[in-house]
């Protein structure tokens, strides 16, 4: 047995809410390539199907689940459909999030509807499917892995109208630690990765602005924008047996940004 085998996910089942998104699609494929069977969960069936088709063409197994995981019934159904297809749930990677750049307001004037939307997208979207997945993990009795996708904004403020996003990601970090504390007794680990700005199709227009891009790059010691594939190593660590004694941790993936703050 190779030491690298502890990073394999053979015969395990992963649920990926947001699994067809700019980050989630890369993570879904990475989990499948490491051996997992993957439930690709999202609101748009066409994009989920595209990811699932790629997994299947590479010899993996995938399930498409059309669901809005900010709604409890949909989140529960996503896990139920995964159990019906694969018989177990071992991993959940919560990849839904974002939206901050669309609703920027001064903290003292932040509107209720925008606040609620950001919290639904970045906190509720992780809470509800995780509750359903962990119930299945506890019932299965084989432990499990929960991984949240947070942000450096959970640790750092920014004077740019991001109060709701910063608060939601900070709450997600706190929830990660709390869930880790409660679910350790079941052999379930709960961790998060905390990236800085990542180059995805959703932010392509922003990065087309050379001044905007330069402002980000100049704050990052490694002097480049993060890519979705930069997250894969950490995701495989936290989802695999390699992290069996790691829980309640927030790993920052930011090219050194927070080291300078």
Foldseek 3Di string as FASTA:
>chain_A
DDPCLQLAQALAEEEEEVCLFQQNLVQQLLNLVSHYEYEYEEQDQVSSVVSQVVSVVVPGHYHYQHFDLLDLVRLLVSVVVSCVVRVAHAEYEYDFADPQVVQADPPVPRDPVVLVVRLSRQPSSLPRNVVNRVVRLLVVLPAHFYEYEAACLCVDPDPTRRVSNNVNSVVVLVVQLVCQVVCVVSLYAGEYEHEYAEDGPVCVVQVVPVVSLQVLLVLAPQRHHHYSVLCNVVSSCRGGSVCSPDHSYYHYDYNCNVVVD
